[in-house]
Amino acid sequence: MKKNTKTEKIYIYSGLGFDVEIRNAPLIEVFDEWVLNIDMNKLQKEVFKQLAWQHSPLTGNEVAFIRKYLEMTKTGFGKLFGVAHSAVSKWEEKDDEFIKISISTD
């Protein structure tokens, strides 16, 4: 059985906890729903790299994604930056809001 496919010029993917714009996104129809037809590990790796180099502050959801991508606990992640796990929790609670990180931590 042949599967239906198409390419979406601009596709907004929200599965990482925040919106990611994907250009020329390959889609496949699964159970009457159009879904991304890409390697999700590659997508996560690329998003991780883009977040590391972006010039704007991170949001709480982006910090949560980075921590989970690195497979770290809040305590371990906080130790990397010299902050307590409670600071990491406060960052992540900001959801889509930009977080305030000291210049030395940033």
PDB file of N, CA and C in Angstrom:
ATOM      1  N   MET A   1       0.843  -1.182   0.000  1.00  0.00           N
ATOM      2  CA  MET A   1       0.000   0.000   0.000  1.00  0.00           C
ATOM      3  C   MET A   1       0.888   1.244   0.000  1.00  0.00           C
ATOM      4  N   LYS A   2       0.646   2.120  -0.948  1.00  0.00           N
ATOM      5  CA  LYS A   2       1.423   3.346  -1.065  1.00  0.00           C
ATOM      6  C   LYS A   2       0.925   4.375  -0.061  1.00  0.00           C
ATOM      7  N   LYS A   3       1.883   5.009   0.624  1.00  0.00           N
ATOM      8  CA  LYS A   3       1.532   6.026   1.611  1.00  0.00           C
ATOM      9  C   LYS A   3       1.533   7.391   0.951  1.00  0.00           C
ATOM     10  N   ASN A   4       0.623   8.244   1.393  1.00  0.00           N
ATOM     11  CA  ASN A   4       0.549   9.612   0.892  1.00  0.00           C
ATOM     12  C   ASN A   4       1.629  10.455   1.557  1.00  0.00           C
ATOM     13  N   THR A   5       2.328  11.210   0.732  1.00  0.00           N
ATOM     14  CA  THR A   5       3.360  12.113   1.244  1.00  0.00           C
ATOM     15  C   THR A   5       3.184  13.479   0.594  1.00  0.00           C
ATOM     16  N   LYS A   6       3.749  14.479   1.257  1.00  0.00           N
ATOM     17  CA  LYS A   6       3.760  15.828   0.698  1.00  0.00           C
ATOM     18  C   LYS A   6       4.862  16.614   1.400  1.00  0.00           C
ATOM     19  N   THR A   7       5.158  17.780   0.855  1.00  0.00           N
ATOM     20  CA  THR A   7       6.142  18.673   1.463  1.00  0.00           C
ATOM     21  C   THR A   7       5.448  19.975   1.821  1.00  0.00           C
ATOM     22  N   GLU A   8       5.637  20.384   3.053  1.00  0.00           N
ATOM     23  CA  GLU A   8       5.068  21.638   3.542  1.00  0.00           C
ATOM     24  C   GLU A   8       6.168  22.694   3.523  1.00  0.00           C
ATOM     25  N   LYS A   9       5.897  23.810   2.861  1.00  0.00           N
ATOM     26  CA  LYS A   9       6.908  24.866   2.720  1.00  0.00           C
ATOM     27  C   LYS A   9       7.406  25.351   4.088  1.00  0.00           C
ATOM     28  N   ILE A  10       6.474  25.649   4.990  1.00  0.00           N
ATOM     29  CA  ILE A  10       6.816  26.028   6.359  1.00  0.00           C
ATOM     30  C   ILE A  10       5.904  25.233   7.285  1.00  0.00           C
ATOM     31  N   TYR A  11       6.525  24.478   8.187  1.00  0.00           N
ATOM     32  CA  TYR A  11       5.789  23.632   9.121  1.00  0.00           C
ATOM     33  C   TYR A  11       6.226  23.994  10.540  1.00  0.00           C
ATOM     34  N   ILE A  12       5.272  24.232  11.410  1.00  0.00           N
ATOM     35  CA  ILE A  12       5.583  24.556  12.806  1.00  0.00           C
ATOM     36  C   ILE A  12       5.393  23.284  13.628  1.00  0.00           C
ATOM     37  N   TYR A  13       6.502  22.820  14.221  1.00  0.00           N
ATOM     38  CA  TYR A  13       6.489  21.616  15.053  1.00  0.00           C
ATOM     39  C   TYR A  13       6.598  22.032  16.515  1.00  0.00           C
ATOM     40  N   SER A  14       5.698  21.529  17.360  1.00  0.00           N
ATOM     41  CA  SER A  14       5.666  21.928  18.771  1.00  0.00           C
ATOM     42  C   SER A  14       6.004  20.784  19.719  1.00  0.00           C
ATOM     43  N   GLY A  15       6.472  19.686  19.206  1.00  0.00           N
ATOM     44  CA  GLY A  15       6.702  18.494  20.008  1.00  0.00           C
ATOM     45  C   GLY A  15       7.892  18.531  20.948  1.00  0.00           C
ATOM     46  N   LEU A  16       8.690  19.586  20.908  1.00  0.00           N
ATOM     47  CA  LEU A  16       9.850  19.677  21.789  1.00  0.00           C
ATOM     48  C   LEU A  16       9.589  20.584  22.995  1.00  0.00           C
ATOM     49  N   GLY A  17       8.369  21.082  23.099  1.00  0.00           N
ATOM     50  CA  GLY A  17       8.017  21.973  24.203  1.00  0.00           C
ATOM     51  C   GLY A  17       7.969  23.427  23.794  1.00  0.00           C
ATOM     52  N   PHE A  18       8.330  23.703  22.554  1.00  0.00           N
ATOM     53  CA  PHE A  18       8.299  25.055  21.997  1.00  0.00           C
ATOM     54  C   PHE A  18       8.218  24.911  20.489  1.00  0.00           C
ATOM     55  N   ASP A  19       7.834  25.984  19.816  1.00  0.00           N
ATOM     56  CA  ASP A  19       7.663  25.932  18.368  1.00  0.00           C
ATOM     57  C   ASP A  19       9.009  25.940  17.641  1.00  0.00           C
ATOM     58  N   VAL A  20       9.111  25.058  16.660  1.00  0.00           N
ATOM     59  CA  VAL A  20      10.280  24.995  15.785  1.00  0.00           C
ATOM     60  C   VAL A  20       9.770  25.104  14.355  1.00  0.00           C
ATOM     61  N   GLU A  21      10.315  26.058  13.603  1.00  0.00           N
ATOM     62  CA  GLU A  21       9.922  26.226  12.208  1.00  0.00           C
ATOM     63  C   GLU A  21      10.798  25.328  11.337  1.00  0.00           C
ATOM     64  N   ILE A  22      10.150  24.471  10.574  1.00  0.00           N
ATOM     65  CA  ILE A  22      10.865  23.569   9.673  1.00  0.00           C
ATOM     66  C   ILE A  22      10.471  23.932   8.249  1.00  0.00           C
ATOM     67  N   ARG A  23      11.454  24.208   7.429  1.00  0.00           N
ATOM     68  CA  ARG A  23      11.194  24.574   6.040  1.00  0.00           C
ATOM     69  C   ARG A  23      11.293  23.347   5.155  1.00  0.00           C
ATOM     70  N   ASN A  24      10.407  23.297   4.173  1.00  0.00           N
ATOM     71  CA  ASN A  24      10.345  22.171   3.240  1.00  0.00           C
ATOM     72  C   ASN A  24      10.262  20.848   3.989  1.00  0.00           C
ATOM     73  N   ALA A  25       9.334  20.794   4.918  1.00  0.00           N
ATOM     74  CA  ALA A  25       9.175  19.633   5.796  1.00  0.00           C
ATOM     75  C   ALA A  25       8.477  18.490   5.074  1.00  0.00           C
ATOM     76  N   PRO A  26       9.094  17.316   5.074  1.00  0.00           N
ATOM     77  CA  PRO A  26       8.440  16.144   4.492  1.00  0.00           C
ATOM     78  C   PRO A  26       7.377  15.609   5.458  1.00  0.00           C
ATOM     79  N   LEU A  27       6.185  15.402   4.953  1.00  0.00           N
ATOM     80  CA  LEU A  27       5.084  14.890   5.765  1.00  0.00           C
ATOM     81  C   LEU A  27       4.573  13.588   5.177  1.00  0.00           C
ATOM     82  N   ILE A  28       4.030  12.767   6.054  1.00  0.00           N
ATOM     83  CA  ILE A  28       3.418  11.513   5.624  1.00  0.00           C
ATOM     84  C   ILE A  28       2.077  11.384   6.324  1.00  0.00           C
ATOM     85  N   GLU A  29       1.110  10.827   5.617  1.00  0.00           N
ATOM     86  CA  GLU A  29      -0.220  10.664   6.192  1.00  0.00           C
ATOM     87  C   GLU A  29      -0.282   9.347   6.959  1.00  0.00           C
ATOM     88  N   VAL A  30      -0.619   9.463   8.248  1.00  0.00           N
ATOM     89  CA  VAL A  30      -0.745   8.290   9.104  1.00  0.00           C
ATOM     90  C   VAL A  30      -2.098   8.372   9.795  1.00  0.00           C
ATOM     91  N   PHE A  31      -2.940   7.372   9.554  1.00  0.00           N
ATOM     92  CA  PHE A  31      -4.283   7.349  10.138  1.00  0.00           C
ATOM     93  C   PHE A  31      -5.006   8.676   9.945  1.00  0.00           C
ATOM     94  N   ASP A  32      -5.011   9.157   8.730  1.00  0.00           N
ATOM     95  CA  ASP A  32      -5.709  10.382   8.330  1.00  0.00           C
ATOM     96  C   ASP A  32      -5.146  11.654   8.976  1.00  0.00           C
ATOM     97  N   GLU A  33      -3.911  11.600   9.433  1.00  0.00           N
ATOM     98  CA  GLU A  33      -3.265  12.779  10.012  1.00  0.00           C
ATOM     99  C   GLU A  33      -1.887  12.944   9.377  1.00  0.00           C
ATOM    100  N   TRP A  34      -1.543  14.202   9.045  1.00  0.00           N
ATOM    101  CA  TRP A  34      -0.239  14.494   8.456  1.00  0.00           C
ATOM    102  C   TRP A  34       0.784  14.710   9.571  1.00  0.00           C
ATOM    103  N   VAL A  35       1.872  13.935   9.526  1.00  0.00           N
ATOM    104  CA  VAL A  35       2.924  14.026  10.540  1.00  0.00           C
ATOM    105  C   VAL A  35       4.277  14.158   9.854  1.00  0.00           C
ATOM    106  N   LEU A  36       5.246  14.710  10.603  1.00  0.00           N
ATOM    107  CA  LEU A  36       6.604  14.841  10.070  1.00  0.00           C
ATOM    108  C   LEU A  36       7.175  13.481   9.737  1.00  0.00           C
ATOM    109  N   ASN A  37       7.859  13.419   8.627  1.00  0.00           N
ATOM    110  CA  ASN A  37       8.494  12.181   8.194  1.00  0.00           C
ATOM    111  C   ASN A  37      10.014  12.394   8.191  1.00  0.00           C
ATOM    112  N   ILE A  38      10.554  12.628   9.403  1.00  0.00           N
ATOM    113  CA  ILE A  38      11.984  12.891   9.543  1.00  0.00           C
ATOM    114  C   ILE A  38      12.542  12.105  10.727  1.00  0.00           C
ATOM    115  N   ASP A  39      13.854  12.033  10.780  1.00  0.00           N
ATOM    116  CA  ASP A  39      14.547  11.397  11.897  1.00  0.00           C
ATOM    117  C   ASP A  39      14.496  12.367  13.085  1.00  0.00           C
ATOM    118  N   MET A  40      13.740  12.029  14.115  1.00  0.00           N
ATOM    119  CA  MET A  40      13.557  12.931  15.254  1.00  0.00           C
ATOM    120  C   MET A  40      14.854  13.138  16.028  1.00  0.00           C
ATOM    121  N   ASN A  41      15.737  12.160  16.048  1.00  0.00           N
ATOM    122  CA  ASN A  41      17.028  12.338  16.720  1.00  0.00           C
ATOM    123  C   ASN A  41      17.853  13.421  16.028  1.00  0.00           C
ATOM    124  N   LYS A  42      17.817  13.432  14.707  1.00  0.00           N
ATOM    125  CA  LYS A  42      18.536  14.469  13.964  1.00  0.00           C
ATOM    126  C   LYS A  42      17.914  15.837  14.202  1.00  0.00           C
ATOM    127  N   LEU A  43      16.584  15.887  14.253  1.00  0.00           N
ATOM    128  CA  LEU A  43      15.901  17.157  14.528  1.00  0.00           C
ATOM    129  C   LEU A  43      16.316  17.686  15.896  1.00  0.00           C
ATOM    130  N   GLN A  44      16.293  16.838  16.913  1.00  0.00           N
ATOM    131  CA  GLN A  44      16.664  17.261  18.258  1.00  0.00           C
ATOM    132  C   GLN A  44      18.115  17.732  18.310  1.00  0.00           C
ATOM    133  N   LYS A  45      18.997  17.038  17.625  1.00  0.00           N
ATOM    134  CA  LYS A  45      20.412  17.436  17.608  1.00  0.00           C
ATOM    135  C   LYS A  45      20.575  18.808  16.957  1.00  0.00           C
ATOM    136  N   GLU A  46      19.877  19.032  15.862  1.00  0.00           N
ATOM    137  CA  GLU A  46      19.971  20.317  15.164  1.00  0.00           C
ATOM    138  C   GLU A  46      19.381  21.449  16.005  1.00  0.00           C
ATOM    139  N   VAL A  47      18.254  21.198  16.652  1.00  0.00           N
ATOM    140  CA  VAL A  47      17.644  22.212  17.512  1.00  0.00           C
ATOM    141  C   VAL A  47      18.587  22.531  18.668  1.00  0.00           C
ATOM    142  N   PHE A  48      19.198  21.518  19.255  1.00  0.00           N
ATOM    143  CA  PHE A  48      20.161  21.721  20.342  1.00  0.00           C
ATOM    144  C   PHE A  48      21.304  22.630  19.884  1.00  0.00           C
ATOM    145  N   LYS A  49      21.853  22.362  18.709  1.00  0.00           N
ATOM    146  CA  LYS A  49      22.944  23.193  18.187  1.00  0.00           C
ATOM    147  C   LYS A  49      22.479  24.628  17.946  1.00  0.00           C
ATOM    148  N   GLN A  50      21.287  24.797  17.383  1.00  0.00           N
ATOM    149  CA  GLN A  50      20.767  26.143  17.111  1.00  0.00           C
ATOM    150  C   GLN A  50      20.555  26.931  18.410  1.00  0.00           C
ATOM    151  N   LEU A  51      20.052  26.267  19.441  1.00  0.00           N
ATOM    152  CA  LEU A  51      19.837  26.951  20.718  1.00  0.00           C
ATOM    153  C   LEU A  51      21.159  27.386  21.341  1.00  0.00           C
ATOM    154  N   ALA A  52      22.193  26.585  21.151  1.00  0.00           N
ATOM    155  CA  ALA A  52      23.502  26.921  21.715  1.00  0.00           C
ATOM    156  C   ALA A  52      24.083  28.179  21.090  1.00  0.00           C
ATOM    157  N   TRP A  53      23.714  28.472  19.850  1.00  0.00           N
ATOM    158  CA  TRP A  53      24.294  29.610  19.129  1.00  0.00           C
ATOM    159  C   TRP A  53      23.355  30.793  18.965  1.00  0.00           C
ATOM    160  N   GLN A  54      22.131  30.681  19.465  1.00  0.00           N
ATOM    161  CA  GLN A  54      21.204  31.804  19.283  1.00  0.00           C
ATOM    162  C   GLN A  54      21.621  32.986  20.149  1.00  0.00           C
ATOM    163  N   HIS A  55      21.307  34.170  19.671  1.00  0.00           N
ATOM    164  CA  HIS A  55      21.717  35.403  20.344  1.00  0.00           C
ATOM    165  C   HIS A  55      20.683  35.901  21.350  1.00  0.00           C
ATOM    166  N   SER A  56      19.477  35.382  21.295  1.00  0.00           N
ATOM    167  CA  SER A  56      18.444  35.825  22.233  1.00  0.00           C
ATOM    168  C   SER A  56      18.482  34.944  23.483  1.00  0.00           C
ATOM    169  N   PRO A  57      17.919  35.443  24.580  1.00  0.00           N
ATOM    170  CA  PRO A  57      17.871  34.636  25.805  1.00  0.00           C
ATOM    171  C   PRO A  57      17.048  33.366  25.581  1.00  0.00           C
ATOM    172  N   LEU A  58      17.303  32.362  26.400  1.00  0.00           N
ATOM    173  CA  LEU A  58      16.547  31.118  26.325  1.00  0.00           C
ATOM    174  C   LEU A  58      15.232  31.252  27.091  1.00  0.00           C
ATOM    175  N   THR A  59      14.251  30.475  26.682  1.00  0.00           N
ATOM    176  CA  THR A  59      13.003  30.390  27.431  1.00  0.00           C
ATOM    177  C   THR A  59      13.113  29.213  28.405  1.00  0.00           C
ATOM    178  N   GLY A  60      12.190  29.154  29.335  1.00  0.00           N
ATOM    179  CA  GLY A  60      12.167  28.031  30.266  1.00  0.00           C
ATOM    180  C   GLY A  60      12.012  26.703  29.559  1.00  0.00           C
ATOM    181  N   ASN A  61      11.164  26.647  28.536  1.00  0.00           N
ATOM    182  CA  ASN A  61      10.968  25.404  27.785  1.00  0.00           C
ATOM    183  C   ASN A  61      12.223  24.997  27.028  1.00  0.00           C
ATOM    184  N   GLU A  62      12.963  25.971  26.539  1.00  0.00           N
ATOM    185  CA  GLU A  62      14.212  25.659  25.829  1.00  0.00           C
ATOM    186  C   GLU A  62      15.262  25.116  26.796  1.00  0.00           C
ATOM    187  N   VAL A  63      15.333  25.682  28.001  1.00  0.00           N
ATOM    188  CA  VAL A  63      16.254  25.152  29.012  1.00  0.00           C
ATOM    189  C   VAL A  63      15.871  23.718  29.362  1.00  0.00           C
ATOM    190  N   ALA A  64      14.594  23.466  29.545  1.00  0.00           N
ATOM    191  CA  ALA A  64      14.130  22.105  29.855  1.00  0.00           C
ATOM    192  C   ALA A  64      14.511  21.146  28.735  1.00  0.00           C
ATOM    193  N   PHE A  65      14.336  21.568  27.476  1.00  0.00           N
ATOM    194  CA  PHE A  65      14.711  20.723  26.345  1.00  0.00           C
ATOM    195  C   PHE A  65      16.207  20.409  26.382  1.00  0.00           C
ATOM    196  N   ILE A  66      17.032  21.436  26.587  1.00  0.00           N
ATOM    197  CA  ILE A  66      18.484  21.231  26.607  1.00  0.00           C
ATOM    198  C   ILE A  66      18.869  20.248  27.711  1.00  0.00           C
ATOM    199  N   ARG A  67      18.325  20.437  28.891  1.00  0.00           N
ATOM    200  CA  ARG A  67      18.646  19.554  30.019  1.00  0.00           C
ATOM    201  C   ARG A  67      18.245  18.112  29.723  1.00  0.00           C
ATOM    202  N   LYS A  68      17.048  17.940  29.189  1.00  0.00           N
ATOM    203  CA  LYS A  68      16.571  16.589  28.875  1.00  0.00           C
ATOM    204  C   LYS A  68      17.351  15.984  27.714  1.00  0.00           C
ATOM    205  N   TYR A  69      17.704  16.807  26.730  1.00  0.00           N
ATOM    206  CA  TYR A  69      18.506  16.317  25.605  1.00  0.00           C
ATOM    207  C   TYR A  69      19.842  15.780  26.109  1.00  0.00           C
ATOM    208  N   LEU A  70      20.423  16.463  27.078  1.00  0.00           N
ATOM    209  CA  LEU A  70      21.692  16.037  27.662  1.00  0.00           C
ATOM    210  C   LEU A  70      21.514  14.922  28.687  1.00  0.00           C
ATOM    211  N   GLU A  71      20.254  14.530  28.908  1.00  0.00           N
ATOM    212  CA  GLU A  71      19.905  13.458  29.854  1.00  0.00           C
ATOM    213  C   GLU A  71      20.457  13.739  31.248  1.00  0.00           C
ATOM    214  N   MET A  72      20.216  14.968  31.710  1.00  0.00           N
ATOM    215  CA  MET A  72      20.725  15.387  33.006  1.00  0.00           C
ATOM    216  C   MET A  72      19.582  15.680  33.972  1.00  0.00           C
ATOM    217  N   THR A  73      19.859  15.461  35.243  1.00  0.00           N
ATOM    218  CA  THR A  73      18.921  15.863  36.288  1.00  0.00           C
ATOM    219  C   THR A  73      19.046  17.374  36.479  1.00  0.00           C
ATOM    220  N   LYS A  74      18.096  17.941  37.189  1.00  0.00           N
ATOM    221  CA  LYS A  74      18.181  19.368  37.489  1.00  0.00           C
ATOM    222  C   LYS A  74      19.400  19.663  38.360  1.00  0.00           C
ATOM    223  N   THR A  75      19.714  18.753  39.255  1.00  0.00           N
ATOM    224  CA  THR A  75      20.881  18.930  40.123  1.00  0.00           C
ATOM    225  C   THR A  75      22.164  18.909  39.301  1.00  0.00           C
ATOM    226  N   GLY A  76      22.299  17.924  38.441  1.00  0.00           N
ATOM    227  CA  GLY A  76      23.500  17.814  37.607  1.00  0.00           C
ATOM    228  C   GLY A  76      23.641  18.980  36.648  1.00  0.00           C
ATOM    229  N   PHE A  77      22.533  19.391  36.063  1.00  0.00           N
ATOM    230  CA  PHE A  77      22.547  20.523  35.133  1.00  0.00           C
ATOM    231  C   PHE A  77      22.938  21.796  35.872  1.00  0.00           C
ATOM    232  N   GLY A  78      22.367  21.981  37.061  1.00  0.00           N
ATOM    233  CA  GLY A  78      22.696  23.150  37.862  1.00  0.00           C
ATOM    234  C   GLY A  78      24.174  23.197  38.223  1.00  0.00           C
ATOM    235  N   LYS A  79      24.756  22.053  38.540  1.00  0.00           N
ATOM    236  CA  LYS A  79      26.181  22.004  38.888  1.00  0.00           C
ATOM    237  C   LYS A  79      27.055  22.493  37.741  1.00  0.00           C
ATOM    238  N   LEU A  80      26.651  22.213  36.510  1.00  0.00           N
ATOM    239  CA  LEU A  80      27.409  22.695  35.348  1.00  0.00           C
ATOM    240  C   LEU A  80      27.535  24.218  35.351  1.00  0.00           C
ATOM    241  N   PHE A  81      26.530  24.876  35.884  1.00  0.00           N
ATOM    242  CA  PHE A  81      26.467  26.339  35.830  1.00  0.00           C
ATOM    243  C   PHE A  81      26.659  26.990  37.201  1.00  0.00           C
ATOM    244  N   GLY A  82      26.969  26.175  38.199  1.00  0.00           N
ATOM    245  CA  GLY A  82      27.216  26.721  39.522  1.00  0.00           C
ATOM    246  C   GLY A  82      25.977  27.239  40.218  1.00  0.00           C
ATOM    247  N   VAL A  83      24.837  26.618  39.926  1.00  0.00           N
ATOM    248  CA  VAL A  83      23.584  27.012  40.577  1.00  0.00           C
ATOM    249  C   VAL A  83      22.923  25.771  41.175  1.00  0.00           C
ATOM    250  N   ALA A  84      22.024  25.991  42.116  1.00  0.00           N
ATOM    251  CA  ALA A  84      21.283  24.892  42.735  1.00  0.00           C
ATOM    252  C   ALA A  84      20.191  24.385  41.793  1.00  0.00           C
ATOM    253  N   HIS A  85      19.724  23.164  42.071  1.00  0.00           N
ATOM    254  CA  HIS A  85      18.647  22.605  41.243  1.00  0.00           C
ATOM    255  C   HIS A  85      17.398  23.471  41.308  1.00  0.00           C
ATOM    256  N   SER A  86      17.215  24.191  42.427  1.00  0.00           N
ATOM    257  CA  SER A  86      16.041  25.058  42.542  1.00  0.00           C
ATOM    258  C   SER A  86      16.082  26.191  41.510  1.00  0.00           C
ATOM    259  N   ALA A  87      17.283  26.664  41.170  1.00  0.00           N
ATOM    260  CA  ALA A  87      17.404  27.701  40.134  1.00  0.00           C
ATOM    261  C   ALA A  87      16.995  27.132  38.777  1.00  0.00           C
ATOM    262  N   VAL A  88      17.413  25.906  38.502  1.00  0.00           N
ATOM    263  CA  VAL A  88      17.035  25.250  37.239  1.00  0.00           C
ATOM    264  C   VAL A  88      15.518  25.088  37.193  1.00  0.00           C
ATOM    265  N   SER A  89      14.932  24.688  38.306  1.00  0.00           N
ATOM    266  CA  SER A  89      13.469  24.549  38.367  1.00  0.00           C
ATOM    267  C   SER A  89      12.782  25.874  38.072  1.00  0.00           C
ATOM    268  N   LYS A  90      13.287  26.956  38.647  1.00  0.00           N
ATOM    269  CA  LYS A  90      12.696  28.283  38.406  1.00  0.00           C
ATOM    270  C   LYS A  90      12.826  28.678  36.939  1.00  0.00           C
ATOM    271  N   TRP A  91      13.980  28.369  36.326  1.00  0.00           N
ATOM    272  CA  TRP A  91      14.149  28.664  34.905  1.00  0.00           C
ATOM    273  C   TRP A  91      13.087  27.932  34.096  1.00  0.00           C
ATOM    274  N   GLU A  92      12.962  26.630  34.353  1.00  0.00           N
ATOM    275  CA  GLU A  92      12.048  25.809  33.558  1.00  0.00           C
ATOM    276  C   GLU A  92      10.588  26.182  33.783  1.00  0.00           C
ATOM    277  N   GLU A  93      10.254  26.691  34.957  1.00  0.00           N
ATOM    278  CA  GLU A  93       8.876  27.099  35.252  1.00  0.00           C
ATOM    279  C   GLU A  93       8.427  28.301  34.424  1.00  0.00           C
ATOM    280  N   LYS A  94       9.356  28.982  33.811  1.00  0.00           N
ATOM    281  CA  LYS A  94       9.024  30.162  32.998  1.00  0.00           C
ATOM    282  C   LYS A  94       8.340  29.794  31.688  1.00  0.00           C
ATOM    283  N   ASP A  95       8.344  28.512  31.349  1.00  0.00           N
ATOM    284  CA  ASP A  95       7.715  28.016  30.119  1.00  0.00           C
ATOM    285  C   ASP A  95       8.198  28.784  28.890  1.00  0.00           C
ATOM    286  N   ASP A  96       7.314  29.574  28.264  1.00  0.00           N
ATOM    287  CA  ASP A  96       7.673  30.290  27.034  1.00  0.00           C
ATOM    288  C   ASP A  96       8.263  31.677  27.278  1.00  0.00           C
ATOM    289  N   GLU A  97       8.428  32.051  28.538  1.00  0.00           N
ATOM    290  CA  GLU A  97       9.028  33.347  28.859  1.00  0.00           C
ATOM    291  C   GLU A  97      10.547  33.232  28.855  1.00  0.00           C
ATOM    292  N   PHE A  98      11.209  34.330  28.515  1.00  0.00           N
ATOM    293  CA  PHE A  98      12.671  34.356  28.582  1.00  0.00           C
ATOM    294  C   PHE A  98      13.086  34.292  30.043  1.00  0.00           C
ATOM    295  N   ILE A  99      14.181  33.584  30.288  1.00  0.00           N
ATOM    296  CA  ILE A  99      14.673  33.480  31.667  1.00  0.00           C
ATOM    297  C   ILE A  99      15.804  34.473  31.870  1.00  0.00           C
ATOM    298  N   LYS A 100      16.039  34.801  33.116  1.00  0.00           N
ATOM    299  CA  LYS A 100      17.124  35.709  33.467  1.00  0.00           C
ATOM    300  C   LYS A 100      18.252  34.878  34.046  1.00  0.00           C
ATOM    301  N   ILE A 101      19.362  34.855  33.329  1.00  0.00           N
ATOM    302  CA  ILE A 101      20.552  34.135  33.762  1.00  0.00           C
ATOM    303  C   ILE A 101      21.672  35.154  33.898  1.00  0.00           C
ATOM    304  N   SER A 102      22.476  34.991  34.916  1.00  0.00           N
ATOM    305  CA  SER A 102      23.603  35.920  35.081  1.00  0.00           C
ATOM    306  C   SER A 102      24.545  35.801  33.884  1.00  0.00           C
ATOM    307  N   ILE A 103      25.273  36.839  33.616  1.00  0.00           N
ATOM    308  CA  ILE A 103      26.198  36.857  32.467  1.00  0.00           C
ATOM    309  C   ILE A 103      27.209  35.735  32.565  1.00  0.00           C
ATOM    310  N   SER A 104      27.711  35.469  33.762  1.00  0.00           N
ATOM    311  CA  SER A 104      28.707  34.400  33.911  1.00  0.00           C
ATOM    312  C   SER A 104      28.124  33.036  33.606  1.00  0.00           C
ATOM    313  N   THR A 105      26.859  32.805  33.969  1.00  0.00           N
ATOM    314  CA  THR A 105      26.205  31.534  33.661  1.00  0.00           C
ATOM    315  C   THR A 105      25.881  31.422  32.186  1.00  0.00           C
ATOM    316  N   ASP A 106      25.432  32.538  31.600  1.00  0.00           N
ATOM    317  CA  ASP A 106      25.068  32.563  30.190  1.00  0.00           C
ATOM    318  C   ASP A 106      26.283  32.215  29.349  1.00  0.00           C
TER     319      ASP A 106
END
